[in-house]
């Protein structure tokens, strides 16, 4: 992918999601890094629209499921139904068998239903009644949740949170963007005009190229220093795991590649770390989810290796 192609994708999505260019770049970085994205924000901000327009721009199949307290794992994965003509049970695939899957308000579902996503997100496959079925490639989960709502919700366990490469917030639009929305220049009209920017084969090719982005020993030393800081600092109750380190590496590679480089720099880690690490850390006060400014302090306390 040329940097001009990436900018074209950002511009197209920005014509629908107004005033959120940085969040769009993060979402695309997460997507091309083969990660999954958690969007935590208030209702009506544009979380669902972002998922729809991203799938359309990538030319991928899209399925949306509203998570509720009465949702069952079979509603997500699929179920076996008896076929009277064949005299046997046949598997009917659930909405998880797609390429971009939106789990809307994921924290409204019970932990049992939430856990149905674990295997799919980690291994891109689903095991049902002893048979393993592969999911399509690429496979990308976007989950949304409301940070303020407590009644009737279930917190995502740490194992589930760790499957999300990034957690971002969209936030309210600025005055200029909101005026365009109020004038009727928002998502509904723009989404209808959006066409494909890529095809499935192009997406897979870009993801493979990102895997080949070079990381020097100095870069890896810096990454390890950051990981070690979270594990030894009194600021954090739980430090970053080796899997979190791999997530940081993948995201940094994607950020570098999508901005026109075939090698990663320490600056790439500094750009993506708050959104990759924030939902994986706990403060000493047992607060889950670290404020961005608190994470940014890390860079003044962990020097870049020379």
Protein backbone atom coordinates (compact mmCIF):
# COMPACT_ATOMS: atom_id res chain seq x y z
CA UNK A 1 0.00 0.00 0.00
CA UNK A 2 1.29 3.43 -0.94
CA UNK A 3 0.85 6.22 1.58
CA UNK A 4 -1.43 7.97 -0.94
CA UNK A 5 -3.78 4.96 -0.88
CA UNK A 6 -3.91 5.03 2.90
CA UNK A 7 -4.66 8.75 2.91
CA UNK A 8 -7.47 8.16 0.42
CA UNK A 9 -9.04 5.59 2.73
CA UNK A 10 -8.71 7.96 5.71
CA UNK A 11 -10.30 10.78 3.68
CA UNK A 12 -13.23 8.62 2.58
CA UNK A 13 -14.00 7.45 6.09
CA UNK A 14 -13.54 11.03 7.36
CA UNK A 15 -16.30 12.15 4.98
CA UNK A 16 -18.68 9.99 7.03
CA UNK A 17 -17.15 10.17 10.54
CA UNK A 18 -16.59 13.90 10.75
CA UNK A 19 -13.76 15.43 12.75
CA UNK A 20 -12.24 12.11 13.94
CA UNK A 21 -9.23 11.62 11.68
CA UNK A 22 -6.89 10.44 14.42
CA UNK A 23 -9.34 7.81 15.70
CA UNK A 24 -9.84 6.62 12.11
CA UNK A 25 -6.09 6.19 11.68
CA UNK A 26 -5.97 4.18 14.90
CA UNK A 27 -8.88 1.97 13.79
CA UNK A 28 -7.21 1.28 10.44
CA UNK A 29 -3.90 0.54 12.17
CA UNK A 30 -5.70 -1.97 14.40
CA UNK A 31 -7.41 -3.55 11.40
CA UNK A 32 -4.28 -3.96 9.25
CA UNK A 33 -2.34 -5.26 12.28
CA UNK A 34 -4.84 -8.18 12.40
CA UNK A 35 -6.15 -6.96 15.75
CA UNK A 36 -9.61 -6.36 17.17
CA UNK A 37 -10.99 -3.01 18.28
CA UNK A 38 -12.96 -1.97 21.37
CA UNK A 39 -14.73 1.40 21.15
CA UNK A 40 -15.84 2.71 24.51
CA UNK A 41 -17.99 5.81 24.33
CA UNK A 42 -21.41 7.35 24.84
CA UNK A 43 -24.42 6.39 22.68
CA UNK A 44 -24.91 8.35 19.48
CA UNK A 45 -21.25 9.21 18.91
CA UNK A 46 -20.82 7.14 15.71
CA UNK A 47 -19.36 3.84 16.90
CA UNK A 48 -21.65 1.66 14.75
CA UNK A 49 -21.24 3.93 11.73
CA UNK A 50 -17.44 3.65 11.94
CA UNK A 51 -17.69 -0.14 11.79
CA UNK A 52 -20.04 -0.01 8.78
CA UNK A 53 -17.99 2.43 6.75
CA UNK A 54 -14.72 0.63 7.48
CA UNK A 55 -16.18 -2.67 6.22
CA UNK A 56 -17.55 -0.98 3.11
CA UNK A 57 -14.27 0.74 2.28
CA UNK A 58 -12.40 -2.54 2.65
CA UNK A 59 -14.92 -4.39 0.47
CA UNK A 60 -15.61 -6.91 3.24
CA UNK A 61 -18.73 -8.66 4.47
CA UNK A 62 -20.28 -7.10 7.56
CA UNK A 63 -22.52 -8.48 10.30
CA UNK A 64 -23.87 -6.66 13.34
CA UNK A 65 -25.24 -8.23 16.51
CA UNK A 66 -26.88 -6.40 19.37
CA UNK A 67 -25.65 -7.95 22.61
CA UNK A 68 -28.34 -8.34 25.27
CA UNK A 69 -28.67 -10.14 28.59
CA UNK A 70 -30.68 -13.00 27.04
CA UNK A 71 -28.16 -13.62 24.25
CA UNK A 72 -26.90 -17.21 24.03
CA UNK A 73 -23.56 -18.43 22.63
CA UNK A 74 -25.44 -20.25 19.89
CA UNK A 75 -26.95 -16.96 18.73
CA UNK A 76 -23.39 -15.80 17.94
CA UNK A 77 -21.70 -18.99 16.76
CA UNK A 78 -24.60 -20.86 15.18
CA UNK A 79 -26.52 -24.00 16.03
CA UNK A 80 -27.45 -27.44 14.77
CA UNK A 81 -30.99 -27.78 13.42
CA UNK A 82 -32.63 -31.09 12.57
CA UNK A 83 -33.25 -31.49 8.84
CA UNK A 84 -36.26 -33.75 8.41
CA UNK A 85 -35.53 -34.42 4.74
CA UNK A 86 -31.95 -35.54 5.42
CA UNK A 87 -32.83 -37.16 8.74
CA UNK A 88 -29.86 -35.52 10.46
CA UNK A 89 -28.72 -32.34 12.15
CA UNK A 90 -27.22 -29.56 10.01
CA UNK A 91 -25.11 -26.69 11.28
CA UNK A 92 -26.49 -23.22 10.62
CA UNK A 93 -23.68 -20.66 10.87
CA UNK A 94 -24.18 -17.68 13.15
CA UNK A 95 -23.31 -14.05 12.39
CA UNK A 96 -19.72 -14.56 13.59
CA UNK A 97 -19.05 -16.18 10.20
CA UNK A 98 -18.29 -12.91 8.45
CA UNK A 99 -15.27 -10.67 7.93
CA UNK A 100 -16.15 -7.59 9.99
CA UNK A 101 -18.27 -8.46 13.03
CA UNK A 102 -19.76 -5.70 15.16
CA UNK A 103 -20.55 -6.74 18.74
CA UNK A 104 -22.73 -3.82 19.75
CA UNK A 105 -22.86 -3.07 23.49
CA UNK A 106 -20.85 -6.17 24.28
CA UNK A 107 -20.99 -5.57 28.03
CA UNK A 108 -24.77 -6.10 28.08
CA UNK A 109 -24.31 -9.82 27.40
CA UNK A 110 -23.55 -12.33 30.13
CA UNK A 111 -19.97 -13.58 30.62
CA UNK A 112 -20.98 -16.92 29.05
CA UNK A 113 -22.02 -15.21 25.83
CA UNK A 114 -19.02 -12.88 25.89
CA UNK A 115 -16.71 -15.88 26.15
CA UNK A 116 -18.13 -17.29 22.92
CA UNK A 117 -15.98 -14.71 21.13
CA UNK A 118 -12.69 -15.73 22.74
CA UNK A 119 -11.71 -18.55 20.40
CA UNK A 120 -12.90 -16.64 17.35
CA UNK A 121 -10.84 -13.56 18.24
CA UNK A 122 -7.70 -15.45 19.20
CA UNK A 123 -7.58 -18.28 16.65
CA UNK A 124 -10.00 -17.19 13.91
CA UNK A 125 -11.99 -20.39 14.27
CA UNK A 126 -15.08 -21.67 16.04
CA UNK A 127 -15.44 -25.06 17.73
CA UNK A 128 -19.02 -26.29 17.99
CA UNK A 129 -20.07 -29.78 19.08
CA UNK A 130 -16.53 -31.05 18.70
CA UNK A 131 -16.02 -29.76 15.15
CA UNK A 132 -13.71 -26.84 14.37
CA UNK A 133 -14.77 -24.45 11.63
CA UNK A 134 -12.40 -21.77 10.31
CA UNK A 135 -13.59 -18.19 9.98
CA UNK A 136 -13.09 -16.08 6.89
CA UNK A 137 -9.93 -14.08 6.24
CA UNK A 138 -9.54 -11.31 7.16
CA UNK A 139 -11.59 -11.44 10.36
CA UNK A 140 -12.03 -8.29 12.42
CA UNK A 141 -14.16 -7.78 15.55
CA UNK A 142 -15.29 -4.30 16.54
CA UNK A 143 -17.01 -4.21 19.93
CA UNK A 144 -18.70 -1.21 21.52
CA UNK A 145 -19.63 -0.46 25.08
CA UNK A 146 -20.99 2.48 27.05
CA UNK A 147 -18.57 3.55 29.81
CA UNK A 148 -21.24 5.08 32.04
CA UNK A 149 -23.90 2.38 32.06
CA UNK A 150 -23.68 0.01 35.00
CA UNK A 151 -27.21 -1.39 35.50
CA UNK A 152 -27.75 -4.50 33.43
CA UNK A 153 -24.16 -4.72 32.22
CA UNK A 154 -21.32 -7.19 32.82
CA UNK A 155 -17.71 -6.04 32.92
CA UNK A 156 -15.48 -7.69 30.36
CA UNK A 157 -13.00 -10.02 32.09
CA UNK A 158 -9.29 -9.36 31.69
CA UNK A 159 -8.90 -12.34 29.35
CA UNK A 160 -11.50 -10.82 27.03
CA UNK A 161 -10.05 -7.31 27.21
CA UNK A 162 -6.63 -8.70 26.31
CA UNK A 163 -8.00 -9.99 22.99
CA UNK A 164 -8.62 -6.43 21.84
CA UNK A 165 -5.53 -4.94 20.27
CA UNK A 166 -6.77 -1.41 20.89
CA UNK A 167 -9.38 0.46 22.89
CA UNK A 168 -10.31 3.91 21.63
CA UNK A 169 -12.90 6.61 22.31
CA UNK A 170 -14.46 8.75 19.59
CA UNK A 171 -15.65 11.62 21.77
CA UNK A 172 -18.02 14.44 20.87
CA UNK A 173 -17.49 16.17 17.51
CA UNK A 174 -16.06 19.68 17.43
CA UNK A 175 -18.37 22.59 16.61
CA UNK A 176 -17.53 22.64 12.92
CA UNK A 177 -18.16 18.92 12.46
CA UNK A 178 -21.33 19.04 14.53
CA UNK A 179 -22.71 21.92 12.46
CA UNK A 180 -22.25 19.81 9.30
CA UNK A 181 -24.13 16.98 10.99
CA UNK A 182 -26.95 19.34 11.98
CA UNK A 183 -27.13 20.59 8.40
CA UNK A 184 -27.67 17.05 7.20
CA UNK A 185 -24.14 16.46 5.96
CA UNK A 186 -23.53 13.56 8.32
CA UNK A 187 -23.25 9.81 8.16
CA UNK A 188 -26.45 8.65 6.46
CA UNK A 189 -25.99 10.65 3.28
CA UNK A 190 -22.22 10.16 3.05
CA UNK A 191 -22.34 6.43 3.82
CA UNK A 192 -24.63 5.80 0.86
CA UNK A 193 -22.00 7.30 -1.47
CA UNK A 194 -19.01 5.39 -0.10
CA UNK A 195 -17.50 2.81 -2.44
CA UNK A 196 -14.81 0.17 -1.99
CA UNK A 197 -11.24 1.39 -1.64
CA UNK A 198 -9.76 -2.11 -1.56
CA UNK A 199 -10.62 -5.74 -2.17
CA UNK A 200 -10.14 -8.76 0.08
CA UNK A 201 -6.89 -9.79 -1.66
CA UNK A 202 -5.49 -6.27 -1.21
CA UNK A 203 -6.25 -6.32 2.51
CA UNK A 204 -4.48 -9.67 2.96
CA UNK A 205 -1.50 -8.40 0.94
CA UNK A 206 -1.12 -5.28 3.11
CA UNK A 207 -1.36 -7.34 6.30
CA UNK A 208 1.42 -9.61 5.00
CA UNK A 209 3.62 -6.62 4.12
CA UNK A 210 3.19 -5.25 7.63
CA UNK A 211 4.52 -8.53 9.03
CA UNK A 212 7.78 -7.83 7.18
CA UNK A 213 8.34 -4.34 8.63
CA UNK A 214 11.84 -4.29 10.16
CA UNK A 215 12.40 -3.77 13.88
CA UNK A 216 15.95 -3.06 15.01
CA UNK A 217 17.47 -4.37 18.23
CA UNK A 218 17.37 -0.81 19.58
CA UNK A 219 13.65 -0.65 18.91
CA UNK A 220 13.08 -3.99 20.63
CA UNK A 221 15.20 -2.86 23.59
CA UNK A 222 12.97 0.20 23.96
CA UNK A 223 9.86 -1.95 23.80
CA UNK A 224 11.25 -4.23 26.51
CA UNK A 225 12.17 -1.25 28.67
CA UNK A 226 8.58 -0.01 28.49
CA UNK A 227 7.23 -3.44 29.37
CA UNK A 228 9.65 -3.73 32.28
CA UNK A 229 8.66 -0.30 33.58
CA UNK A 230 4.99 -1.30 33.83
CA UNK A 231 5.97 -4.47 35.72
CA UNK A 232 8.22 -2.79 38.27
CA UNK A 233 6.67 0.66 38.75
CA UNK A 234 4.61 1.28 41.86
CA UNK A 235 2.12 3.10 39.62
CA UNK A 236 0.73 -0.16 38.27
CA UNK A 237 -0.75 -3.14 40.05
CA UNK A 238 -0.52 -5.39 36.99
CA UNK A 239 2.14 -4.88 34.31
CA UNK A 240 2.02 -5.66 30.62
CA UNK A 241 2.30 -9.32 29.63
CA UNK A 242 4.43 -10.78 26.82
CA UNK A 243 1.23 -10.99 24.75
CA UNK A 244 0.73 -7.27 25.31
CA UNK A 245 4.30 -6.76 24.11
CA UNK A 246 3.50 -8.63 20.89
CA UNK A 247 0.40 -6.46 20.48
CA UNK A 248 2.49 -3.30 20.84
CA UNK A 249 4.94 -4.66 18.28
CA UNK A 250 2.22 -5.45 15.73
CA UNK A 251 0.54 -2.08 16.17
CA UNK A 252 3.83 -0.18 15.88
CA UNK A 253 4.70 -2.06 12.68
CA UNK A 254 1.29 -1.23 11.20
CA UNK A 255 1.56 2.44 12.19
CA UNK A 256 4.99 2.67 10.56
CA UNK A 257 3.92 0.93 7.35
CA UNK A 258 0.74 2.94 6.92
CA UNK A 259 2.77 6.11 7.26
CA UNK A 260 5.19 5.13 4.51
CA UNK A 261 8.05 3.34 6.26
CA UNK A 262 9.39 -0.22 6.07
CA UNK A 263 10.95 0.01 9.55
CA UNK A 264 9.66 0.87 13.01
CA UNK A 265 10.89 3.74 15.15
CA UNK A 266 10.51 4.41 18.90
CA UNK A 267 8.11 7.20 17.93
CA UNK A 268 5.72 4.58 16.56
CA UNK A 269 5.48 2.98 20.00
CA UNK A 270 4.86 6.36 21.57
CA UNK A 271 2.02 7.03 19.12
CA UNK A 272 0.13 3.78 19.69
CA UNK A 273 0.97 2.73 23.26
CA UNK A 274 -1.86 4.59 25.08
CA UNK A 275 -4.51 2.81 23.03
CA UNK A 276 -2.84 -0.60 23.11
CA UNK A 277 -1.79 -0.61 26.78
CA UNK A 278 -4.45 1.45 28.54
CA UNK A 279 -7.07 -1.30 28.86
CA UNK A 280 -4.49 -3.90 29.88
CA UNK A 281 -3.07 -2.05 32.89
CA UNK A 282 -4.35 -1.42 36.39
CA UNK A 283 -3.25 1.34 38.69
CA UNK A 284 -2.08 0.68 42.22
CA UNK A 285 -5.56 1.81 43.28
CA UNK A 286 -7.09 -1.08 41.29
CA UNK A 287 -8.49 1.26 38.64
CA UNK A 288 -8.94 -0.51 35.30
CA UNK A 289 -8.19 1.64 32.30
CA UNK A 290 -5.37 4.15 32.65
CA UNK A 291 -5.89 7.79 31.60
CA UNK A 292 -3.88 8.73 28.53
CA UNK A 293 -1.92 11.50 30.27
CA UNK A 294 -0.81 9.00 32.92
CA UNK A 295 0.50 6.66 30.24
CA UNK A 296 2.27 9.48 28.43
CA UNK A 297 4.30 10.14 31.58
CA UNK A 298 5.98 6.80 30.93
CA UNK A 299 7.92 8.25 27.99
CA UNK A 300 9.63 10.84 30.16
CA UNK A 301 10.71 8.14 32.61
CA UNK A 302 11.86 5.49 30.13
CA UNK A 303 14.66 6.85 27.92
CA UNK A 304 15.01 5.83 24.30
CA UNK A 305 18.12 3.64 23.89
CA UNK A 306 20.95 5.24 21.95
